[in-house]
C-alpha atoms as a PDB file:
ATOM      1  CA  MET A   1     -11.294   6.928  15.518  1.00  0.00           C
ATOM      2  CA  THR A   2      -8.777   7.366  12.524  1.00  0.00           C
ATOM      3  CA  ALA A   3      -6.269  10.165  12.517  1.00  0.00           C
ATOM      4  CA  GLU A   4      -6.630  12.403   9.568  1.00  0.00           C
ATOM      5  CA  PRO A   5      -3.470  12.637   7.443  1.00  0.00           C
ATOM      6  CA  ASP A   6      -1.293  15.554   8.331  1.00  0.00           C
ATOM      7  CA  ALA A   7      -0.363  17.267   5.027  1.00  0.00           C
ATOM      8  CA  ALA A   8       2.931  18.409   6.740  1.00  0.00           C
ATOM      9  CA  GLN A   9       4.055  14.827   7.707  1.00  0.00           C
ATOM     10  CA  PRO A  10       6.328  13.549   4.959  1.00  0.00           C
ATOM     11  CA  GLU A  11       5.203  10.621   2.799  1.00  0.00           C
ATOM     12  CA  ARG A  12       6.198   7.185   4.519  1.00  0.00           C
ATOM     13  CA  LEU A  13       7.272   4.394   2.051  1.00  0.00           C
ATOM     14  CA  LEU A  14       6.689   0.907   3.128  1.00  0.00           C
ATOM     15  CA  ARG A  15       8.286  -2.409   2.497  1.00  0.00           C
ATOM     16  CA  LEU A  16       6.519  -5.410   1.257  1.00  0.00           C
ATOM     17  CA  ALA A  17       6.555  -7.162   4.813  1.00  0.00           C
ATOM     18  CA  GLU A  18       4.646  -4.076   6.301  1.00  0.00           C
ATOM     19  CA  VAL A  19       2.090  -4.239   3.196  1.00  0.00           C
ATOM     20  CA  ARG A  20       1.515  -7.796   3.760  1.00  0.00           C
ATOM     21  CA  HIS A  21       0.913  -7.280   7.634  1.00  0.00           C
ATOM     22  CA  ARG A  22      -1.503  -4.335   6.982  1.00  0.00           C
ATOM     23  CA  VAL A  23      -3.508  -5.873   4.261  1.00  0.00           C
ATOM     24  CA  GLY A  24      -3.442  -9.321   5.273  1.00  0.00           C
ATOM     25  CA  LEU A  25      -2.424 -10.689   1.907  1.00  0.00           C
ATOM     26  CA  GLY A  26       0.429 -12.700   0.563  1.00  0.00           C
ATOM     27  CA  LYS A  27       3.099 -11.679  -1.774  1.00  0.00           C
ATOM     28  CA  THR A  28       1.669 -13.610  -4.872  1.00  0.00           C
ATOM     29  CA  MET A  29      -1.856 -12.089  -4.230  1.00  0.00           C
ATOM     30  CA  ILE A  30      -0.323  -8.544  -3.995  1.00  0.00           C
ATOM     31  CA  TYR A  31       1.468  -8.928  -7.074  1.00  0.00           C
ATOM     32  CA  ALA A  32      -1.329 -10.304  -8.848  1.00  0.00           C
ATOM     33  CA  MET A  33      -3.961  -7.654  -7.847  1.00  0.00           C
ATOM     34  CA  ILE A  34      -1.138  -5.099  -8.978  1.00  0.00           C
ATOM     35  CA  GLY A  35      -1.195  -6.790 -12.591  1.00  0.00           C
ATOM     36  CA  ASP A  36      -4.899  -6.577 -12.508  1.00  0.00           C
ATOM     37  CA  GLY A  37      -4.821  -2.875 -11.605  1.00  0.00           C
ATOM     38  CA  ARG A  38      -6.694  -3.530  -8.163  1.00  0.00           C
ATOM     39  CA  PHE A  39      -3.801  -2.777  -5.684  1.00  0.00           C
ATOM     40  CA  PRO A  40      -1.290   0.393  -5.749  1.00  0.00           C
ATOM     41  CA  LYS A  41       1.835  -0.378  -7.668  1.00  0.00           C
ATOM     42  CA  PRO A  42       4.972  -0.068  -5.711  1.00  0.00           C
ATOM     43  CA  TYR A  43       7.850   2.606  -6.288  1.00  0.00           C
ATOM     44  CA  LYS A  44      11.245   1.354  -7.487  1.00  0.00           C
ATOM     45  CA  ILE A  45      13.613   3.003  -5.257  1.00  0.00           C
ATOM     46  CA  THR A  46      16.723   0.938  -6.638  1.00  0.00           C
ATOM     47  CA  ALA A  47      17.205  -1.793  -8.832  1.00  0.00           C
ATOM     48  CA  ALA A  48      16.382  -4.260  -6.330  1.00  0.00           C
ATOM     49  CA  ALA A  49      14.240  -2.231  -3.740  1.00  0.00           C
ATOM     50  CA  ALA A  50      10.471  -1.493  -4.175  1.00  0.00           C
ATOM     51  CA  ARG A  51       8.388   0.495  -1.564  1.00  0.00           C
ATOM     52  CA  TRP A  52       4.556   1.379  -1.151  1.00  0.00           C
ATOM     53  CA  SER A  53       3.296   4.644  -0.209  1.00  0.00           C
ATOM     54  CA  GLU A  54       1.558   4.354   2.944  1.00  0.00           C
ATOM     55  CA  ARG A  55      -1.099   6.801   2.030  1.00  0.00           C
ATOM     56  CA  GLU A  56      -2.052   4.764  -1.202  1.00  0.00           C
ATOM     57  CA  VAL A  57      -1.996   1.353   0.883  1.00  0.00           C
ATOM     58  CA  GLU A  58      -4.380   3.173   3.511  1.00  0.00           C
ATOM     59  CA  ALA A  59      -6.519   4.508   0.724  1.00  0.00           C
ATOM     60  CA  TRP A  60      -6.747   1.128  -0.630  1.00  0.00           C
ATOM     61  CA  ILE A  61      -7.917  -0.469   2.648  1.00  0.00           C
ATOM     62  CA  GLU A  62     -10.325   2.349   3.077  1.00  0.00           C
ATOM     63  CA  ARG A  63     -11.926   1.319  -0.347  1.00  0.00           C
ATOM     64  CA  VAL A  64     -12.212  -2.355   0.744  1.00  0.00           C
ATOM     65  CA  VAL A  65     -13.715  -1.520   4.081  1.00  0.00           C
ATOM     66  CA  ARG A  66     -16.235   0.777   2.506  1.00  0.00           C
ATOM     67  CA  GLY A  67     -16.880  -1.787  -0.123  1.00  0.00           C
ATOM     68  CA  ASN A  68     -15.915   0.549  -3.150  1.00  0.00           C
END
């Protein structure tokens, strides 16, 4: 059973290593899919750091599992 997202819970930002672990893809494939518009874009939080929205990554996983 999947827990429903809690609107009161703050947004969590994920590092690339966590995104890779969750989706089972490598860095090159993730960035290629971002370029094609098939994966959520990261948020640049500094000039050298990018993070992904946990909610957006989880929604992408759900769409893949459902085949949409």
